[in-house]
């Protein structure tokens, strides 16, 4: 078992795994949004950013030959991105559970324009989904709930691969 785990800690394999996990996460949320009309809130959109950053960093780590300190730094930056993503997901979970308020972009503001153009502008910038309302669950957990351990596990894996990864 240990040999299997350490096999994935080489820089190219760890980077490929991080890239694949990031890509699958982004593909999943895009399918949910465009295929099943699950509209994301502002916090949902923010949680996509760390996956995009890790996707690019892991691709760079995979392609940057020869593997060494630079690629291990890139994997460490992936760990930081995932840790930030886990923090965002934890914050979003708290907003969904009404433990605290979300950001100003999470709430729907009433329309109060003085002209048709003001109303049009407000409508175009209206929040489609609220951060405190769960739009989809699997096994009783929202996507933000699932993202906490997923991002946390990817952060731990990326950090361990960065510290232990060898050519």
Protein backbone atom coordinates (compact mmCIF):
# COMPACT_ATOMS: atom_id res chain seq x y z
CA UNK A 1 0.00 0.00 0.00
CA UNK A 2 2.79 2.40 0.90
CA UNK A 3 4.54 1.68 -2.41
CA UNK A 4 1.36 2.53 -4.32
CA UNK A 5 1.01 5.82 -2.40
CA UNK A 6 4.65 6.80 -2.85
CA UNK A 7 4.36 6.05 -6.58
CA UNK A 8 1.95 8.99 -6.85
CA UNK A 9 4.32 11.30 -5.02
CA UNK A 10 6.71 11.68 -7.92
CA UNK A 11 6.36 15.15 -9.40
CA UNK A 12 4.86 14.21 -12.77
CA UNK A 13 2.33 11.76 -11.33
CA UNK A 14 1.31 14.06 -8.47
CA UNK A 15 0.95 16.97 -10.89
CA UNK A 16 -1.13 14.82 -13.26
CA UNK A 17 -3.39 13.73 -10.40
CA UNK A 18 -3.84 17.32 -9.19
CA UNK A 19 -4.55 18.45 -12.75
CA UNK A 20 -7.11 15.68 -13.25
CA UNK A 21 -8.87 16.32 -9.93
CA UNK A 22 -9.05 20.07 -10.65
CA UNK A 23 -10.33 19.52 -14.18
CA UNK A 24 -12.97 17.02 -13.02
CA UNK A 25 -14.16 19.40 -10.29
CA UNK A 26 -14.54 22.25 -12.78
CA UNK A 27 -16.22 19.99 -15.34
CA UNK A 28 -18.64 18.76 -12.67
CA UNK A 29 -19.76 22.25 -11.61
CA UNK A 30 -20.10 23.38 -15.23
CA UNK A 31 -22.25 20.34 -16.03
CA UNK A 32 -24.39 21.09 -12.97
CA UNK A 33 -24.73 24.73 -14.02
CA UNK A 34 -25.36 24.36 -17.73
CA UNK A 35 -26.70 20.81 -17.92
CA UNK A 36 -28.96 20.78 -14.86
CA UNK A 37 -29.58 24.53 -14.40
CA UNK A 38 -28.11 24.67 -10.89
CA UNK A 39 -27.27 28.36 -10.72
CA UNK A 40 -24.14 29.28 -8.73
CA UNK A 41 -24.05 32.05 -6.19
CA UNK A 42 -21.12 34.42 -5.77
CA UNK A 43 -19.40 32.15 -3.25
CA UNK A 44 -19.85 29.17 -5.58
CA UNK A 45 -18.08 31.11 -8.31
CA UNK A 46 -15.26 32.08 -5.95
CA UNK A 47 -14.74 28.43 -5.05
CA UNK A 48 -13.97 27.66 -8.70
CA UNK A 49 -10.96 29.98 -8.75
CA UNK A 50 -8.62 27.80 -6.63
CA UNK A 51 -9.35 24.83 -8.89
CA UNK A 52 -8.50 26.90 -11.96
CA UNK A 53 -5.29 28.15 -10.34
CA UNK A 54 -4.28 24.62 -9.30
CA UNK A 55 -5.10 23.37 -12.79
CA UNK A 56 -2.63 25.82 -14.32
CA UNK A 57 0.03 25.34 -11.64
CA UNK A 58 -0.11 21.56 -11.86
CA UNK A 59 0.12 21.71 -15.65
CA UNK A 60 3.19 23.91 -15.33
CA UNK A 61 4.68 21.50 -12.76
CA UNK A 62 4.04 18.56 -15.07
CA UNK A 63 5.59 20.25 -18.11
CA UNK A 64 8.54 21.93 -16.35
CA UNK A 65 11.43 19.61 -17.07
CA UNK A 66 13.78 18.84 -15.34
CA UNK A 67 11.76 18.27 -12.19
CA UNK A 68 13.22 19.80 -9.08
CA UNK A 69 12.77 22.60 -6.62
CA UNK A 70 10.74 24.78 -9.03
CA UNK A 71 8.20 22.05 -9.66
CA UNK A 72 7.96 21.28 -5.97
CA UNK A 73 7.25 24.98 -5.34
CA UNK A 74 4.47 24.82 -7.94
CA UNK A 75 2.96 21.82 -6.13
CA UNK A 76 3.24 23.76 -2.88
CA UNK A 77 1.35 26.63 -4.50
CA UNK A 78 -1.32 24.10 -5.53
CA UNK A 79 -1.58 23.14 -1.86
CA UNK A 80 -2.04 26.80 -0.93
CA UNK A 81 -4.74 27.23 -3.60
CA UNK A 82 -6.62 24.18 -2.32
CA UNK A 83 -6.30 25.36 1.28
CA UNK A 84 -7.84 28.69 0.26
CA UNK A 85 -10.56 26.77 -1.59
CA UNK A 86 -11.29 24.71 1.52
CA UNK A 87 -11.53 27.94 3.53
CA UNK A 88 -13.94 29.45 1.02
CA UNK A 89 -16.04 26.27 1.06
CA UNK A 90 -16.08 26.30 4.87
CA UNK A 91 -17.16 29.94 4.85
CA UNK A 92 -19.90 29.12 2.31
CA UNK A 93 -21.04 26.18 4.45
CA UNK A 94 -21.41 28.57 7.40
CA UNK A 95 -23.47 30.94 5.26
CA UNK A 96 -25.70 28.07 4.11
CA UNK A 97 -26.23 26.97 7.72
CA UNK A 98 -26.91 30.60 8.78
CA UNK A 99 -23.98 30.62 11.22
CA UNK A 100 -22.91 33.99 9.76
CA UNK A 101 -23.82 36.34 6.95
CA UNK A 102 -22.36 36.06 3.49
CA UNK A 103 -20.79 38.80 1.42
CA UNK A 104 -22.73 41.75 0.02
CA UNK A 105 -22.83 39.95 -3.34
CA UNK A 106 -24.76 37.08 -1.74
CA UNK A 107 -28.00 38.95 -1.16
CA UNK A 108 -30.65 40.05 -3.61
CA UNK A 109 -31.20 43.80 -3.54
CA UNK A 110 -34.62 45.38 -4.22
CA UNK A 111 -35.02 47.27 -7.49
CA UNK A 112 -35.22 51.03 -7.01
CA UNK A 113 -34.31 52.72 -10.26
CA UNK A 114 -35.53 56.14 -11.33
CA UNK A 115 -35.50 55.36 -15.04
CA UNK A 116 -35.87 52.39 -17.35
CA UNK A 117 -32.10 52.39 -17.91
CA UNK A 118 -31.46 52.26 -14.14
CA UNK A 119 -33.83 49.31 -13.78
CA UNK A 120 -32.24 47.56 -16.76
CA UNK A 121 -28.76 48.00 -15.28
CA UNK A 122 -29.93 46.68 -11.90
CA UNK A 123 -31.62 43.67 -13.51
CA UNK A 124 -28.48 42.80 -15.47
CA UNK A 125 -26.45 42.84 -12.25
CA UNK A 126 -28.98 40.98 -10.12
CA UNK A 127 -27.74 37.97 -8.19
CA UNK A 128 -29.29 34.81 -9.67
CA UNK A 129 -28.73 32.57 -6.66
CA UNK A 130 -28.49 33.34 -2.97
CA UNK A 131 -25.53 32.04 -0.98
CA UNK A 132 -27.64 31.01 1.99
CA UNK A 133 -30.01 28.82 0.00
CA UNK A 134 -28.83 25.36 -0.99
CA UNK A 135 -29.76 24.61 -4.59
CA UNK A 136 -28.54 21.00 -4.82
CA UNK A 137 -27.59 18.24 -2.40
CA UNK A 138 -26.12 14.77 -2.60
CA UNK A 139 -26.49 12.51 0.43
CA UNK A 140 -27.78 15.49 2.37
CA UNK A 141 -24.72 17.67 1.72
CA UNK A 142 -24.42 20.70 -0.53
CA UNK A 143 -21.63 21.20 -3.05
CA UNK A 144 -19.94 23.60 -0.62
CA UNK A 145 -20.11 20.91 2.09
CA UNK A 146 -18.50 18.37 -0.25
CA UNK A 147 -15.87 20.89 -1.31
CA UNK A 148 -14.49 21.28 2.23
CA UNK A 149 -13.05 17.75 2.54
CA UNK A 150 -12.30 17.50 -1.20
CA UNK A 151 -10.22 20.67 -1.25
CA UNK A 152 -8.71 19.81 2.12
CA UNK A 153 -7.60 16.39 0.90
CA UNK A 154 -6.15 17.89 -2.28
CA UNK A 155 -4.32 20.51 -0.21
CA UNK A 156 -2.83 17.81 2.01
CA UNK A 157 -1.86 15.64 -0.96
CA UNK A 158 -0.32 18.59 -2.83
CA UNK A 159 1.64 19.71 0.22
CA UNK A 160 2.92 16.20 0.92
CA UNK A 161 3.84 15.71 -2.74
CA UNK A 162 5.66 19.06 -2.74
CA UNK A 163 7.63 18.12 0.36
CA UNK A 164 8.38 14.51 -0.56
CA UNK A 165 8.18 14.47 -4.34
CA UNK A 166 11.23 13.36 -6.19
CA UNK A 167 12.14 12.81 -9.81
